[in-house]
Amino acid sequence: MEIHRADLAYRRRSLWLLSTIVGLCAVGLWQLHGWLQVVQSHVQAGDAEQARRWLRWAIAGVVFAPSLPLSLWGRSLRRLGAAAQAENRFPPREWKTYRDVRVLRDRAAQDWSRRTERMGGIALYVAGGFAAATLAAWFWLS
């Protein structure tokens, strides 16, 4: 049985990046209530058209936000599946993993690579759906 060895430096960098993102999200959520109070006071003091523009930008931004990470994830999954199919090995040699994993070959590798490519395609379609929903919300609120 062949084992694909983990890259500890890759795991460490990834976990630092993930913890940084979680920390930034926590700070953002902590500050959200105060920011919404400031926005509410500006909206109440301003005219209705300015409030509508702010709302349109806010809704469009929230709806569009997941499309970029989803599209990047989908492209990465599609590349992983294509590389695994080309090598007839899952995971491909040049790809890094968090932990030691057993290498799949032949039929099992082809099945995994097709599944991975299909999941990447689904993620890309969902990202396109978010982008379309952004346009729909933008025009609906215009």
N, C-alpha and C. Protein backbone atom coordinates (compact mmCIF):
# COMPACT_ATOMS: atom_id res chain seq x y z
N MET A 1 0.85 -1.17 0.00
CA MET A 1 0.00 0.00 0.00
C MET A 1 0.90 1.24 0.00
N GLU A 2 0.64 2.14 -0.94
CA GLU A 2 1.43 3.37 -1.09
C GLU A 2 0.77 4.49 -0.29
N ILE A 3 1.62 5.29 0.37
CA ILE A 3 1.12 6.40 1.20
C ILE A 3 1.64 7.72 0.62
N HIS A 4 0.73 8.68 0.50
CA HIS A 4 1.08 10.05 0.09
C HIS A 4 1.33 10.83 1.39
N ARG A 5 2.56 11.27 1.59
CA ARG A 5 2.95 11.90 2.84
C ARG A 5 2.44 13.33 2.96
N ALA A 6 2.08 13.71 4.17
CA ALA A 6 1.60 15.06 4.45
C ALA A 6 2.76 16.06 4.42
N ASP A 7 2.43 17.29 4.08
CA ASP A 7 3.40 18.38 4.11
C ASP A 7 3.09 19.23 5.35
N LEU A 8 3.92 19.13 6.36
CA LEU A 8 3.64 19.80 7.63
C LEU A 8 3.69 21.31 7.51
N ALA A 9 4.58 21.85 6.68
CA ALA A 9 4.65 23.31 6.50
C ALA A 9 3.37 23.81 5.83
N TYR A 10 2.85 23.05 4.87
CA TYR A 10 1.58 23.41 4.21
C TYR A 10 0.44 23.41 5.22
N ARG A 11 0.40 22.39 6.06
CA ARG A 11 -0.66 22.31 7.08
C ARG A 11 -0.56 23.50 8.03
N ARG A 12 0.66 23.82 8.47
CA ARG A 12 0.85 24.93 9.40
C ARG A 12 0.41 26.26 8.78
N ARG A 13 0.84 26.51 7.53
CA ARG A 13 0.43 27.76 6.84
C ARG A 13 -1.08 27.82 6.66
N SER A 14 -1.68 26.72 6.29
CA SER A 14 -3.13 26.69 6.07
C SER A 14 -3.89 26.94 7.37
N LEU A 15 -3.43 26.34 8.45
CA LEU A 15 -4.12 26.54 9.72
C LEU A 15 -3.95 27.97 10.23
N TRP A 16 -2.79 28.58 10.00
CA TRP A 16 -2.61 29.99 10.36
C TRP A 16 -3.53 30.88 9.54
N LEU A 17 -3.63 30.60 8.25
CA LEU A 17 -4.51 31.38 7.39
C LEU A 17 -5.97 31.23 7.82
N LEU A 18 -6.38 30.01 8.10
CA LEU A 18 -7.74 29.76 8.54
C LEU A 18 -8.03 30.45 9.87
N SER A 19 -7.10 30.37 10.81
CA SER A 19 -7.33 31.03 12.10
C SER A 19 -7.35 32.55 11.96
N THR A 20 -6.57 33.11 11.04
CA THR A 20 -6.60 34.55 10.78
C THR A 20 -7.95 34.96 10.21
N ILE A 21 -8.47 34.17 9.28
CA ILE A 21 -9.78 34.46 8.69
C ILE A 21 -10.88 34.38 9.76
N VAL A 22 -10.83 33.36 10.59
CA VAL A 22 -11.82 33.22 11.67
C VAL A 22 -11.71 34.40 12.63
N GLY A 23 -10.50 34.82 12.95
CA GLY A 23 -10.32 35.97 13.84
C GLY A 23 -10.88 37.25 13.25
N LEU A 24 -10.62 37.47 11.95
CA LEU A 24 -11.16 38.67 11.29
C LEU A 24 -12.68 38.64 11.25
N CYS A 25 -13.25 37.48 11.00
CA CYS A 25 -14.71 37.36 11.00
C CYS A 25 -15.28 37.63 12.39
N ALA A 26 -14.60 37.14 13.42
CA ALA A 26 -15.07 37.38 14.79
C ALA A 26 -15.03 38.86 15.12
N VAL A 27 -13.96 39.56 14.74
CA VAL A 27 -13.87 41.00 14.98
C VAL A 27 -14.97 41.72 14.19
N GLY A 28 -15.20 41.29 12.95
CA GLY A 28 -16.25 41.91 12.14
C GLY A 28 -17.62 41.74 12.75
N LEU A 29 -17.91 40.54 13.26
CA LEU A 29 -19.20 40.32 13.91
C LEU A 29 -19.31 41.11 15.21
N TRP A 30 -18.21 41.26 15.92
CA TRP A 30 -18.20 42.02 17.16
C TRP A 30 -18.53 43.49 16.88
N GLN A 31 -18.04 44.02 15.76
CA GLN A 31 -18.24 45.42 15.41
C GLN A 31 -19.53 45.66 14.62
N LEU A 32 -20.20 44.61 14.18
CA LEU A 32 -21.37 44.74 13.31
C LEU A 32 -22.49 45.55 13.95
N HIS A 33 -22.79 45.30 15.20
CA HIS A 33 -23.91 46.00 15.84
C HIS A 33 -23.67 47.52 15.87
N GLY A 34 -22.49 47.94 16.24
CA GLY A 34 -22.19 49.37 16.26
C GLY A 34 -22.26 49.99 14.87
N TRP A 35 -21.75 49.27 13.87
CA TRP A 35 -21.80 49.79 12.50
C TRP A 35 -23.23 49.91 12.01
N LEU A 36 -24.08 48.92 12.34
CA LEU A 36 -25.48 48.99 11.92
C LEU A 36 -26.21 50.15 12.60
N GLN A 37 -25.85 50.49 13.83
CA GLN A 37 -26.46 51.64 14.49
C GLN A 37 -26.06 52.93 13.79
N VAL A 38 -24.81 53.04 13.37
CA VAL A 38 -24.36 54.23 12.64
C VAL A 38 -25.10 54.33 11.29
N VAL A 39 -25.22 53.20 10.60
CA VAL A 39 -25.94 53.19 9.32
C VAL A 39 -27.39 53.59 9.54
N GLN A 40 -28.02 53.07 10.58
CA GLN A 40 -29.41 53.40 10.85
C GLN A 40 -29.59 54.89 11.11
N SER A 41 -28.68 55.51 11.85
CA SER A 41 -28.81 56.94 12.12
C SER A 41 -28.60 57.75 10.84
N HIS A 42 -27.68 57.32 9.96
CA HIS A 42 -27.48 58.02 8.69
C HIS A 42 -28.71 57.89 7.79
N VAL A 43 -29.29 56.71 7.78
CA VAL A 43 -30.46 56.47 6.93
C VAL A 43 -31.64 57.31 7.42
N GLN A 44 -31.83 57.38 8.73
CA GLN A 44 -32.94 58.16 9.26
C GLN A 44 -32.74 59.65 9.02
N ALA A 45 -31.50 60.11 9.04
CA ALA A 45 -31.23 61.53 8.85
C ALA A 45 -31.22 61.92 7.38
N GLY A 46 -30.92 60.98 6.48
CA GLY A 46 -30.81 61.29 5.05
C GLY A 46 -32.13 61.11 4.32
N ASP A 47 -32.07 61.29 3.01
CA ASP A 47 -33.28 61.13 2.20
C ASP A 47 -33.49 59.66 1.84
N ALA A 48 -34.68 59.36 1.37
CA ALA A 48 -35.07 57.99 1.06
C ALA A 48 -34.26 57.41 -0.11
N GLU A 49 -33.93 58.24 -1.09
CA GLU A 49 -33.18 57.75 -2.25
C GLU A 49 -31.76 57.32 -1.86
N GLN A 50 -31.13 58.07 -0.99
CA GLN A 50 -29.80 57.68 -0.52
C GLN A 50 -29.88 56.36 0.27
N ALA A 51 -30.90 56.21 1.10
CA ALA A 51 -31.08 54.97 1.85
C ALA A 51 -31.28 53.79 0.90
N ARG A 52 -32.03 54.00 -0.17
CA ARG A 52 -32.26 52.94 -1.16
C ARG A 52 -30.95 52.55 -1.85
N ARG A 53 -30.10 53.53 -2.17
CA ARG A 53 -28.80 53.23 -2.79
C ARG A 53 -27.92 52.43 -1.83
N TRP A 54 -27.87 52.82 -0.57
CA TRP A 54 -27.08 52.10 0.41
C TRP A 54 -27.58 50.66 0.55
N LEU A 55 -28.89 50.51 0.62
CA LEU A 55 -29.48 49.19 0.76
C LEU A 55 -29.17 48.33 -0.46
N ARG A 56 -29.24 48.92 -1.64
CA ARG A 56 -28.94 48.16 -2.87
C ARG A 56 -27.50 47.68 -2.85
N TRP A 57 -26.57 48.56 -2.49
CA TRP A 57 -25.16 48.17 -2.42
C TRP A 57 -24.93 47.10 -1.36
N ALA A 58 -25.57 47.24 -0.21
CA ALA A 58 -25.38 46.28 0.89
C ALA A 58 -25.91 44.90 0.51
N ILE A 59 -27.12 44.85 -0.04
CA ILE A 59 -27.70 43.56 -0.42
C ILE A 59 -26.90 42.92 -1.55
N ALA A 60 -26.52 43.71 -2.54
CA ALA A 60 -25.72 43.17 -3.65
C ALA A 60 -24.38 42.64 -3.15
N GLY A 61 -23.76 43.34 -2.23
CA GLY A 61 -22.48 42.88 -1.69
C GLY A 61 -22.59 41.59 -0.90
N VAL A 62 -23.64 41.49 -0.09
CA VAL A 62 -23.84 40.28 0.72
C VAL A 62 -24.16 39.08 -0.17
N VAL A 63 -24.95 39.29 -1.21
CA VAL A 63 -25.30 38.19 -2.10
C VAL A 63 -24.10 37.79 -2.97
N PHE A 64 -23.27 38.75 -3.36
CA PHE A 64 -22.13 38.45 -4.23
C PHE A 64 -20.95 37.85 -3.47
N ALA A 65 -20.84 38.12 -2.18
CA ALA A 65 -19.67 37.70 -1.39
C ALA A 65 -19.33 36.22 -1.52
N PRO A 66 -20.27 35.28 -1.48
CA PRO A 66 -19.88 33.87 -1.57
C PRO A 66 -19.43 33.43 -2.97
N SER A 67 -19.69 34.22 -3.99
CA SER A 67 -19.39 33.75 -5.34
C SER A 67 -17.89 33.64 -5.61
N LEU A 68 -17.08 34.53 -5.08
CA LEU A 68 -15.64 34.46 -5.33
C LEU A 68 -14.99 33.24 -4.66
N PRO A 69 -15.19 32.99 -3.36
CA PRO A 69 -14.60 31.78 -2.78
C PRO A 69 -15.13 30.50 -3.42
N LEU A 70 -16.41 30.47 -3.76
CA LEU A 70 -16.97 29.29 -4.40
C LEU A 70 -16.35 29.04 -5.77
N SER A 71 -16.14 30.11 -6.54
CA SER A 71 -15.55 29.92 -7.86
C SER A 71 -14.09 29.48 -7.75
N LEU A 72 -13.35 30.01 -6.79
CA LEU A 72 -11.96 29.57 -6.59
C LEU A 72 -11.90 28.12 -6.13
N TRP A 73 -12.79 27.75 -5.23
CA TRP A 73 -12.85 26.37 -4.76
C TRP A 73 -13.24 25.42 -5.89
N GLY A 74 -14.21 25.82 -6.69
CA GLY A 74 -14.63 24.99 -7.82
C GLY A 74 -13.52 24.78 -8.83
N ARG A 75 -12.80 25.85 -9.15
CA ARG A 75 -11.67 25.72 -10.09
C ARG A 75 -10.60 24.81 -9.53
N SER A 76 -10.33 24.93 -8.23
CA SER A 76 -9.33 24.08 -7.60
C SER A 76 -9.75 22.61 -7.63
N LEU A 77 -11.00 22.34 -7.35
CA LEU A 77 -11.48 20.96 -7.41
C LEU A 77 -11.41 20.41 -8.83
N ARG A 78 -11.74 21.23 -9.80
CA ARG A 78 -11.67 20.77 -11.19
C ARG A 78 -10.23 20.46 -11.58
N ARG A 79 -9.28 21.31 -11.17
CA ARG A 79 -7.86 21.05 -11.46
C ARG A 79 -7.38 19.79 -10.76
N LEU A 80 -7.79 19.58 -9.51
CA LEU A 80 -7.42 18.37 -8.78
C LEU A 80 -7.94 17.13 -9.49
N GLY A 81 -9.19 17.16 -9.90
CA GLY A 81 -9.76 16.02 -10.60
C GLY A 81 -9.07 15.74 -11.92
N ALA A 82 -8.76 16.79 -12.68
CA ALA A 82 -8.09 16.62 -13.97
C ALA A 82 -6.67 16.07 -13.78
N ALA A 83 -5.95 16.57 -12.77
CA ALA A 83 -4.60 16.08 -12.52
C ALA A 83 -4.62 14.63 -12.07
N ALA A 84 -5.58 14.27 -11.23
CA ALA A 84 -5.68 12.89 -10.76
C ALA A 84 -6.04 11.96 -11.91
N GLN A 85 -6.91 12.41 -12.79
CA GLN A 85 -7.30 11.57 -13.92
C GLN A 85 -6.12 11.40 -14.89
N ALA A 86 -5.34 12.44 -15.09
CA ALA A 86 -4.19 12.36 -15.99
C ALA A 86 -3.12 11.42 -15.44
N GLU A 87 -2.92 11.44 -14.13
CA GLU A 87 -1.90 10.57 -13.51
C GLU A 87 -2.43 9.19 -13.16
N ASN A 88 -3.76 9.03 -13.20
CA ASN A 88 -4.40 7.77 -12.79
C ASN A 88 -4.02 7.45 -11.34
N ARG A 89 -4.00 8.51 -10.53
CA ARG A 89 -3.57 8.41 -9.13
C ARG A 89 -4.28 9.49 -8.34
N PHE A 90 -4.81 9.11 -7.18
CA PHE A 90 -5.47 10.10 -6.33
C PHE A 90 -4.90 9.98 -4.93
N PRO A 91 -4.33 11.02 -4.36
CA PRO A 91 -4.10 12.37 -4.87
C PRO A 91 -2.90 12.41 -5.83
N PRO A 92 -2.87 13.38 -6.72
CA PRO A 92 -1.73 13.51 -7.63
C PRO A 92 -0.43 13.75 -6.85
N ARG A 93 0.68 13.44 -7.45
CA ARG A 93 1.98 13.53 -6.76
C ARG A 93 2.30 14.95 -6.27
N GLU A 94 2.05 15.97 -7.10
CA GLU A 94 2.47 17.32 -6.73
C GLU A 94 1.52 18.01 -5.76
N TRP A 95 0.34 17.43 -5.51
CA TRP A 95 -0.60 18.06 -4.59
C TRP A 95 -0.19 17.78 -3.15
N LYS A 96 -0.40 18.78 -2.29
CA LYS A 96 -0.05 18.66 -0.89
C LYS A 96 -1.29 18.25 -0.10
N THR A 97 -1.06 17.51 0.98
CA THR A 97 -2.17 17.07 1.83
C THR A 97 -1.87 17.45 3.28
N TYR A 98 -2.93 17.53 4.09
CA TYR A 98 -2.79 17.85 5.51
C TYR A 98 -2.29 16.66 6.32
N ARG A 99 -2.66 15.48 5.88
CA ARG A 99 -2.28 14.28 6.62
C ARG A 99 -1.85 13.20 5.64
N ASP A 100 -1.24 12.16 6.14
CA ASP A 100 -0.85 11.04 5.29
C ASP A 100 -2.11 10.32 4.81
N VAL A 101 -2.18 10.07 3.51
CA VAL A 101 -3.35 9.39 2.94
C VAL A 101 -2.88 8.24 2.06
N ARG A 102 -3.76 7.27 1.93
CA ARG A 102 -3.48 6.13 1.06
C ARG A 102 -3.69 6.57 -0.39
N VAL A 103 -2.81 6.15 -1.26
CA VAL A 103 -2.89 6.50 -2.68
C VAL A 103 -3.85 5.53 -3.36
N LEU A 104 -4.79 6.08 -4.11
CA LEU A 104 -5.71 5.26 -4.89
C LEU A 104 -5.20 5.19 -6.32
N ARG A 105 -5.38 4.06 -6.95
CA ARG A 105 -4.95 3.87 -8.33
C ARG A 105 -6.09 3.26 -9.14
N ASP A 106 -5.93 3.32 -10.47
CA ASP A 106 -6.82 2.68 -11.44
C ASP A 106 -8.28 3.11 -11.24
N ARG A 107 -9.16 2.14 -11.08
CA ARG A 107 -10.60 2.41 -11.05
C ARG A 107 -10.99 3.34 -9.89
N ALA A 108 -10.46 3.10 -8.71
CA ALA A 108 -10.79 3.94 -7.55
C ALA A 108 -10.32 5.37 -7.76
N ALA A 109 -9.14 5.55 -8.34
CA ALA A 109 -8.62 6.90 -8.61
C ALA A 109 -9.48 7.61 -9.65
N GLN A 110 -9.89 6.89 -10.68
CA GLN A 110 -10.74 7.49 -11.71
C GLN A 110 -12.09 7.90 -11.13
N ASP A 111 -12.67 7.06 -10.27
CA ASP A 111 -13.95 7.40 -9.63
C ASP A 111 -13.82 8.66 -8.77
N TRP A 112 -12.74 8.72 -7.96
CA TRP A 112 -12.53 9.90 -7.11
C TRP A 112 -12.29 11.15 -7.95
N SER A 113 -11.54 11.01 -9.02
CA SER A 113 -11.24 12.19 -9.85
C SER A 113 -12.51 12.70 -10.53
N ARG A 114 -13.37 11.79 -11.00
CA ARG A 114 -14.63 12.23 -11.61
C ARG A 114 -15.53 12.91 -10.58
N ARG A 115 -15.61 12.33 -9.38
CA ARG A 115 -16.42 12.94 -8.32
C ARG A 115 -15.89 14.33 -7.96
N THR A 116 -14.59 14.46 -7.90
CA THR A 116 -13.98 15.74 -7.55
C THR A 116 -14.26 16.78 -8.63
N GLU A 117 -14.13 16.39 -9.89
CA GLU A 117 -14.43 17.33 -10.98
C GLU A 117 -15.91 17.71 -10.98
N ARG A 118 -16.78 16.75 -10.70
CA ARG A 118 -18.22 17.04 -10.66
C ARG A 118 -18.55 18.02 -9.53
N MET A 119 -17.94 17.82 -8.36
CA MET A 119 -18.17 18.75 -7.25
C MET A 119 -17.63 20.14 -7.58
N GLY A 120 -16.51 20.20 -8.29
CA GLY A 120 -16.00 21.50 -8.73
C GLY A 120 -16.96 22.19 -9.68
N GLY A 121 -17.55 21.42 -10.59
CA GLY A 121 -18.54 21.99 -11.50
C GLY A 121 -19.76 22.50 -10.76
N ILE A 122 -20.21 21.75 -9.76
CA ILE A 122 -21.36 22.18 -8.96
C ILE A 122 -21.04 23.48 -8.23
N ALA A 123 -19.83 23.58 -7.66
CA ALA A 123 -19.43 24.80 -6.96
C ALA A 123 -19.39 25.98 -7.92
N LEU A 124 -18.93 25.76 -9.15
CA LEU A 124 -18.91 26.84 -10.14
C LEU A 124 -20.32 27.26 -10.53
N TYR A 125 -21.24 26.30 -10.68
CA TYR A 125 -22.63 26.65 -10.99
C TYR A 125 -23.27 27.44 -9.85
N VAL A 126 -22.99 27.05 -8.61
CA VAL A 126 -23.54 27.78 -7.47
C VAL A 126 -22.97 29.19 -7.41
N ALA A 127 -21.68 29.34 -7.71
CA ALA A 127 -21.07 30.68 -7.75
C ALA A 127 -21.74 31.52 -8.83
N GLY A 128 -22.02 30.93 -9.99
CA GLY A 128 -22.75 31.64 -11.04
C GLY A 128 -24.15 32.01 -10.60
N GLY A 129 -24.78 31.13 -9.81
CA GLY A 129 -26.11 31.44 -9.27
C GLY A 129 -26.08 32.64 -8.34
N PHE A 130 -25.05 32.72 -7.50
CA PHE A 130 -24.92 33.88 -6.62
C PHE A 130 -24.69 35.16 -7.43
N ALA A 131 -23.88 35.06 -8.49
CA ALA A 131 -23.64 36.24 -9.33
C ALA A 131 -24.93 36.67 -10.03
N ALA A 132 -25.71 35.71 -10.51
CA ALA A 132 -26.99 36.03 -11.15
C ALA A 132 -27.97 36.63 -10.14
N ALA A 133 -27.98 36.09 -8.92
CA ALA A 133 -28.85 36.63 -7.87
C ALA A 133 -28.44 38.06 -7.51
N THR A 134 -27.14 38.35 -7.57
CA THR A 134 -26.66 39.70 -7.32
C THR A 134 -27.22 40.66 -8.36
N LEU A 135 -27.12 40.27 -9.63
CA LEU A 135 -27.67 41.12 -10.69
C LEU A 135 -29.18 41.30 -10.54
N ALA A 136 -29.88 40.21 -10.22
CA ALA A 136 -31.32 40.31 -10.05
C ALA A 136 -31.69 41.25 -8.90
N ALA A 137 -30.98 41.12 -7.78
CA ALA A 137 -31.25 42.02 -6.64
C ALA A 137 -30.92 43.45 -6.99
N TRP A 138 -29.83 43.66 -7.72
CA TRP A 138 -29.43 45.01 -8.12
C TRP A 138 -30.50 45.68 -8.97
N PHE A 139 -31.00 44.95 -9.98
CA PHE A 139 -32.01 45.54 -10.85
C PHE A 139 -33.37 45.64 -10.17
N TRP A 140 -33.67 44.70 -9.29
CA TRP A 140 -34.94 44.75 -8.58
C TRP A 140 -34.99 45.94 -7.64
N LEU A 141 -33.85 46.30 -7.05
CA LEU A 141 -33.80 47.42 -6.12
C LEU A 141 -33.50 48.76 -6.80
N SER A 142 -33.33 48.76 -8.11
CA SER A 142 -33.04 50.01 -8.83
C SER A 142 -34.25 50.89 -8.96
